[in-house]
Protein backbone atom coordinates (compact mmCIF):
# COMPACT_ATOMS: atom_id res chain seq x y z
CA UNK A 1 -4.53 -98.84 16.72
CA UNK A 2 -2.22 -97.95 13.86
CA UNK A 3 0.25 -95.12 13.93
CA UNK A 4 2.01 -95.86 10.67
CA UNK A 5 4.87 -95.67 8.65
CA UNK A 6 8.29 -95.09 10.07
CA UNK A 7 7.96 -91.70 11.75
CA UNK A 8 8.97 -91.75 15.41
CA UNK A 9 6.63 -90.88 18.26
CA UNK A 10 6.80 -87.15 18.96
CA UNK A 11 8.00 -86.42 15.40
CA UNK A 12 7.88 -82.89 14.07
CA UNK A 13 9.09 -81.36 10.82
CA UNK A 14 12.57 -80.12 11.67
CA UNK A 15 15.82 -79.00 10.17
CA UNK A 16 19.08 -78.20 11.92
CA UNK A 17 17.45 -74.86 12.66
CA UNK A 18 14.53 -76.50 14.45
CA UNK A 19 10.82 -76.36 13.63
CA UNK A 20 9.78 -74.67 10.44
CA UNK A 21 7.07 -72.86 8.49
CA UNK A 22 6.26 -74.76 5.31
CA UNK A 23 4.86 -73.27 2.09
CA UNK A 24 4.16 -74.60 -1.39
CA UNK A 25 5.11 -72.30 -4.21
CA UNK A 26 5.79 -72.02 -7.90
CA UNK A 27 8.28 -69.97 -9.84
CA UNK A 28 6.49 -70.82 -13.07
CA UNK A 29 8.49 -74.01 -13.51
CA UNK A 30 6.67 -76.61 -11.42
CA UNK A 31 5.52 -76.58 -7.79
CA UNK A 32 7.76 -77.18 -4.78
CA UNK A 33 7.70 -77.11 -1.00
CA UNK A 34 9.83 -74.60 0.84
CA UNK A 35 10.80 -73.32 4.26
CA UNK A 36 9.75 -69.72 4.85
CA UNK A 37 12.70 -67.81 6.32
CA UNK A 38 13.78 -64.30 7.32
CA UNK A 39 10.48 -63.24 8.79
CA UNK A 40 8.50 -64.33 5.75
CA UNK A 41 10.72 -62.68 3.15
CA UNK A 42 12.45 -65.72 1.63
CA UNK A 43 11.46 -69.29 0.78
CA UNK A 44 14.14 -72.01 0.74
CA UNK A 45 13.29 -74.93 -1.53
CA UNK A 46 12.89 -78.40 -0.01
CA UNK A 47 14.01 -81.55 -1.78
CA UNK A 48 10.78 -83.57 -2.35
CA UNK A 49 8.02 -83.27 0.26
CA UNK A 50 8.35 -82.30 3.95
CA UNK A 51 6.93 -85.50 5.49
CA UNK A 52 9.54 -87.66 7.11
CA UNK A 53 12.31 -85.08 7.21
CA UNK A 54 13.36 -81.89 5.49
CA UNK A 55 16.39 -81.41 3.28
CA UNK A 56 17.05 -78.05 1.65
CA UNK A 57 18.28 -77.91 -1.93
CA UNK A 58 20.17 -74.65 -1.50
CA UNK A 59 17.79 -72.75 -3.82
CA UNK A 60 16.26 -69.67 -2.19
CA UNK A 61 13.75 -67.19 -3.63
CA UNK A 62 12.32 -63.89 -2.42
CA UNK A 63 8.77 -64.67 -1.36
CA UNK A 64 7.53 -61.62 -3.27
CA UNK A 65 8.82 -63.17 -6.52
CA UNK A 66 7.06 -66.55 -6.25
CA UNK A 67 3.40 -67.51 -6.26
CA UNK A 68 2.15 -69.18 -3.10
CA UNK A 69 -0.23 -72.10 -3.78
CA UNK A 70 -2.18 -74.27 -1.29
CA UNK A 71 0.33 -75.45 1.32
CA UNK A 72 -0.89 -79.02 0.95
CA UNK A 73 -3.19 -80.97 -1.38
CA UNK A 74 -5.17 -83.25 0.95
CA UNK A 75 -6.81 -86.51 -0.03
CA UNK A 76 -9.77 -85.25 2.04
CA UNK A 77 -10.86 -82.35 4.20
CA UNK A 78 -12.70 -83.44 7.34
CA UNK A 79 -14.65 -80.55 8.78
CA UNK A 80 -16.29 -80.15 12.17
CA UNK A 81 -19.62 -78.35 12.45
CA UNK A 82 -20.94 -76.30 15.37
CA UNK A 83 -17.75 -76.53 17.43
CA UNK A 84 -18.15 -73.06 18.94
CA UNK A 85 -21.24 -72.69 21.12
CA UNK A 86 -22.07 -69.14 20.03
CA UNK A 87 -21.86 -70.09 16.36
CA UNK A 88 -24.25 -73.00 16.90
CA UNK A 89 -26.68 -70.66 18.60
CA UNK A 90 -26.44 -67.91 15.97
CA UNK A 91 -27.71 -70.38 13.36
CA UNK A 92 -30.44 -71.70 15.67
CA UNK A 93 -28.76 -75.06 16.33
CA UNK A 94 -28.22 -77.03 19.51
CA UNK A 95 -24.68 -77.48 20.78
CA UNK A 96 -23.75 -81.03 19.71
CA UNK A 97 -23.02 -83.75 22.26
CA UNK A 98 -20.22 -85.13 20.10
CA UNK A 99 -18.24 -83.71 17.15
CA UNK A 100 -20.33 -83.25 14.01
CA UNK A 101 -18.29 -84.48 11.03
CA UNK A 102 -18.73 -83.64 7.35
CA UNK A 103 -16.42 -83.77 4.34
CA UNK A 104 -15.33 -81.18 1.81
CA UNK A 105 -13.87 -82.53 -1.45
CA UNK A 106 -10.21 -82.07 -2.25
CA UNK A 107 -11.30 -80.14 -5.35
CA UNK A 108 -12.66 -77.36 -3.12
CA UNK A 109 -9.14 -76.46 -1.93
CA UNK A 110 -7.48 -73.26 -3.14
CA UNK A 111 -4.60 -71.19 -1.79
CA UNK A 112 -3.88 -67.72 -0.53
CA UNK A 113 -4.66 -65.07 -3.13
CA UNK A 114 -6.85 -67.28 -5.30
CA UNK A 115 -10.47 -66.46 -6.13
CA UNK A 116 -13.51 -67.85 -4.35
CA UNK A 117 -15.96 -68.47 -7.21
CA UNK A 118 -19.49 -67.42 -6.27
CA UNK A 119 -22.01 -69.79 -7.98
CA UNK A 120 -24.62 -67.12 -8.67
CA UNK A 121 -26.87 -69.39 -10.73
CA UNK A 122 -27.23 -71.80 -7.82
CA UNK A 123 -26.94 -69.77 -4.62
CA UNK A 124 -28.02 -66.38 -3.33
CA UNK A 125 -26.20 -66.59 0.01
CA UNK A 126 -22.51 -67.57 0.30
CA UNK A 127 -20.94 -67.17 3.75
CA UNK A 128 -17.40 -66.99 5.11
CA UNK A 129 -16.36 -69.20 8.05
CA UNK A 130 -12.84 -68.59 9.37
CA UNK A 131 -11.24 -71.64 10.98
CA UNK A 132 -8.05 -73.16 12.33
CA UNK A 133 -7.00 -76.14 10.20
CA UNK A 134 -4.97 -79.11 11.46
CA UNK A 135 -2.65 -80.78 8.93
CA UNK A 136 -2.06 -84.49 9.52
CA UNK A 137 1.52 -85.72 9.22
CA UNK A 138 1.23 -89.49 9.09
CA UNK A 139 -1.12 -92.32 8.19
CA UNK A 140 -3.21 -93.06 11.27
CA UNK A 141 -6.41 -94.54 12.57
CA UNK A 142 -7.90 -95.07 16.04
CA UNK A 143 -5.58 -92.50 17.59
CA UNK A 144 -6.09 -92.11 21.35
CA UNK A 145 -6.43 -88.59 22.72
CA UNK A 146 -3.11 -88.78 24.51
CA UNK A 147 -1.24 -89.52 21.25
CA UNK A 148 -3.02 -87.00 19.01
CA UNK A 149 0.03 -84.74 18.94
CA UNK A 150 2.08 -87.51 17.35
CA UNK A 151 0.08 -87.37 14.12
CA UNK A 152 -0.06 -83.58 13.68
CA UNK A 153 2.23 -82.03 11.08
CA UNK A 154 1.14 -78.45 11.70
CA UNK A 155 -1.57 -75.83 11.45
CA UNK A 156 -2.84 -73.36 8.88
CA UNK A 157 -5.69 -70.91 8.27
CA UNK A 158 -8.86 -71.98 6.48
CA UNK A 159 -12.16 -70.59 5.25
CA UNK A 160 -15.05 -73.08 5.21
CA UNK A 161 -17.02 -71.21 2.54
CA UNK A 162 -20.69 -72.23 2.60
CA UNK A 163 -23.72 -71.68 0.36
CA UNK A 164 -26.01 -71.13 3.33
CA UNK A 165 -29.27 -71.22 1.40
CA UNK A 166 -28.36 -74.58 -0.13
CA UNK A 167 -27.36 -75.93 3.27
CA UNK A 168 -30.80 -75.05 4.64
CA UNK A 169 -32.57 -76.38 1.55
CA UNK A 170 -30.71 -79.69 1.44
CA UNK A 171 -30.71 -80.38 5.17
CA UNK A 172 -27.09 -81.54 4.92
CA UNK A 173 -23.75 -80.04 4.00
CA UNK A 174 -22.31 -81.70 0.91
CA UNK A 175 -23.50 -79.43 -1.87
CA UNK A 176 -23.39 -76.23 0.19
CA UNK A 177 -19.77 -76.70 1.19
CA UNK A 178 -18.43 -78.71 -1.73
CA UNK A 179 -18.18 -76.22 -4.57
CA UNK A 180 -14.83 -75.77 -6.28
CA UNK A 181 -12.87 -72.99 -4.47
CA UNK A 182 -14.95 -73.29 -1.25
CA UNK A 183 -11.97 -74.33 0.91
CA UNK A 184 -9.21 -71.72 0.89
CA UNK A 185 -6.25 -72.76 3.06
CA UNK A 186 -2.89 -71.14 3.76
CA UNK A 187 -0.79 -69.21 3.34
CA UNK A 188 1.56 -71.82 4.86
CA UNK A 189 1.79 -74.49 7.55
CA UNK A 190 3.16 -73.63 10.98
CA UNK A 191 4.74 -76.77 12.43
CA UNK A 192 5.40 -75.52 15.97
CA UNK A 193 2.34 -73.96 17.56
CA UNK A 194 0.30 -74.44 20.70
CA UNK A 195 -3.25 -74.33 19.30
CA UNK A 196 -5.06 -74.25 22.62
CA UNK A 197 -5.70 -70.49 22.86
CA UNK A 198 -5.08 -68.62 19.62
CA UNK A 199 -6.86 -65.48 18.46
CA UNK A 200 -8.85 -65.99 15.23
CA UNK A 201 -10.35 -63.15 13.21
CA UNK A 202 -12.14 -62.80 9.90
CA UNK A 203 -12.42 -59.52 8.06
CA UNK A 204 -14.36 -58.61 4.91
CA UNK A 205 -13.02 -55.60 3.01
CA UNK A 206 -11.03 -54.73 6.13
CA UNK A 207 -14.07 -54.79 8.45
CA UNK A 208 -13.91 -57.17 11.40
CA UNK A 209 -16.66 -59.82 11.20
CA UNK A 210 -15.43 -62.67 13.40
CA UNK A 211 -13.31 -62.58 16.54
CA UNK A 212 -12.81 -65.68 18.66
CA UNK A 213 -10.22 -67.83 20.37
CA UNK A 214 -9.47 -71.50 19.89
CA UNK A 215 -9.89 -71.94 23.66
CA UNK A 216 -13.62 -71.59 22.93
CA UNK A 217 -13.72 -74.85 20.97
CA UNK A 218 -16.30 -77.24 22.41
CA UNK A 219 -14.17 -80.23 21.40
CA UNK A 220 -10.43 -79.60 21.41
CA UNK A 221 -8.01 -80.84 18.78
CA UNK A 222 -6.97 -84.10 20.49
CA UNK A 223 -10.64 -84.99 20.95
CA UNK A 224 -11.34 -84.22 17.28
CA UNK A 225 -8.46 -86.37 16.07
CA UNK A 226 -9.56 -89.27 18.26
CA UNK A 227 -13.16 -88.94 17.07
CA UNK A 228 -12.34 -88.67 13.37
CA UNK A 229 -9.79 -91.49 13.33
CA UNK A 230 -12.24 -93.79 15.08
CA UNK A 231 -14.23 -93.50 11.84
CA UNK A 232 -11.69 -93.20 9.04
CA UNK A 233 -8.00 -93.49 8.24
CA UNK A 234 -6.22 -90.18 7.80
CA UNK A 235 -3.32 -89.81 5.38
CA UNK A 236 -0.36 -87.43 5.45
CA UNK A 237 -1.60 -84.03 4.28
CA UNK A 238 -5.23 -84.59 5.22
CA UNK A 239 -6.87 -81.62 6.91
CA UNK A 240 -9.24 -81.29 9.83
CA UNK A 241 -11.16 -78.01 9.97
CA UNK A 242 -11.88 -77.36 13.64
CA UNK A 243 -15.00 -75.17 13.40
CA UNK A 244 -15.81 -71.48 13.16
CA UNK A 245 -16.60 -68.90 15.86
CA UNK A 246 -19.70 -66.72 15.86
CA UNK A 247 -20.08 -63.91 13.35
CA UNK A 248 -20.40 -65.75 10.05
CA UNK A 249 -22.01 -63.77 7.28
CA UNK A 250 -22.49 -63.24 3.57
CA UNK A 251 -19.97 -62.50 0.86
CA UNK A 252 -20.53 -60.68 -2.41
CA UNK A 253 -18.64 -60.72 -5.68
CA UNK A 254 -15.72 -58.32 -5.34
CA UNK A 255 -15.32 -58.75 -1.57
CA UNK A 256 -11.90 -59.47 -0.07
CA UNK A 257 -12.08 -61.88 2.87
CA UNK A 258 -9.16 -62.51 5.25
CA UNK A 259 -8.79 -65.14 7.98
CA UNK A 260 -6.03 -64.35 10.47
CA UNK A 261 -4.78 -66.70 13.18
CA UNK A 262 -2.28 -65.78 15.86
CA UNK A 263 1.07 -67.44 15.28
CA UNK A 264 0.28 -68.44 11.68
CA UNK A 265 -0.56 -65.44 9.53
CA UNK A 266 -3.37 -64.28 7.27
CA UNK A 267 -5.18 -66.07 4.46
CA UNK A 268 -6.74 -63.63 1.97
CA UNK A 269 -9.00 -64.35 -1.00
CA UNK A 270 -11.18 -62.27 -3.27
CA UNK A 271 -14.68 -63.33 -4.29
CA UNK A 272 -15.15 -63.64 -8.05
CA UNK A 273 -18.12 -64.64 -10.20
CA UNK A 274 -18.28 -68.26 -11.24
CA UNK A 275 -20.89 -67.59 -13.91
């Protein structure tokens, strides 16, 4: 087993104020990490990246005056399919006996407020899938269940956007889930959160479409981390998507889709035409 690179067991992103909410943002002059303060009204710039300790530069900006970008740029997004029993059943699938892993490319990642580009020339059915995302905080492989918490940096909201007709046609997930813009994440990373029983909702144009709780996961987060890292090395900033509850459905150009998770916030994106 390897749990890399100089971060102590039990590490969390902290400042003198304790655990933090981390965003990435731009003022138009480069991109930086920041700590979201004052109930989400202000972002305090971090010197360098947040892995391995956080030092504030002293620069602070009203959140309304910056542009939030994806809170992390992962080397890979490892997604878990059919991890809620009712979702597996709604698509006519058996509940898996072990976690079902697939990958989404890093180029599919976008942030809060960015457009999901509907590939109308290639697909006639693009679905939303609201999910809790786990952000990895350190290089790791072969992580035992009991040490899974040591490698977690935090949690964020995600939307595993899927071209459902292509998924059915191909018989696998790569093309259907790999389009540019098909992995919105954000708006920020919550570094101190108990993920075991959080409310998760997805709305489209303000109408509730999904409502579940993370306690309904078939395989919990420690089990997912152990399973994934038995296969591949995870790097700081990599993301595990934990699965979507029942209620997935189609999006149309012009729709506004929001994924809200208790204790984190709400990720909102509008669907635009790619063609």
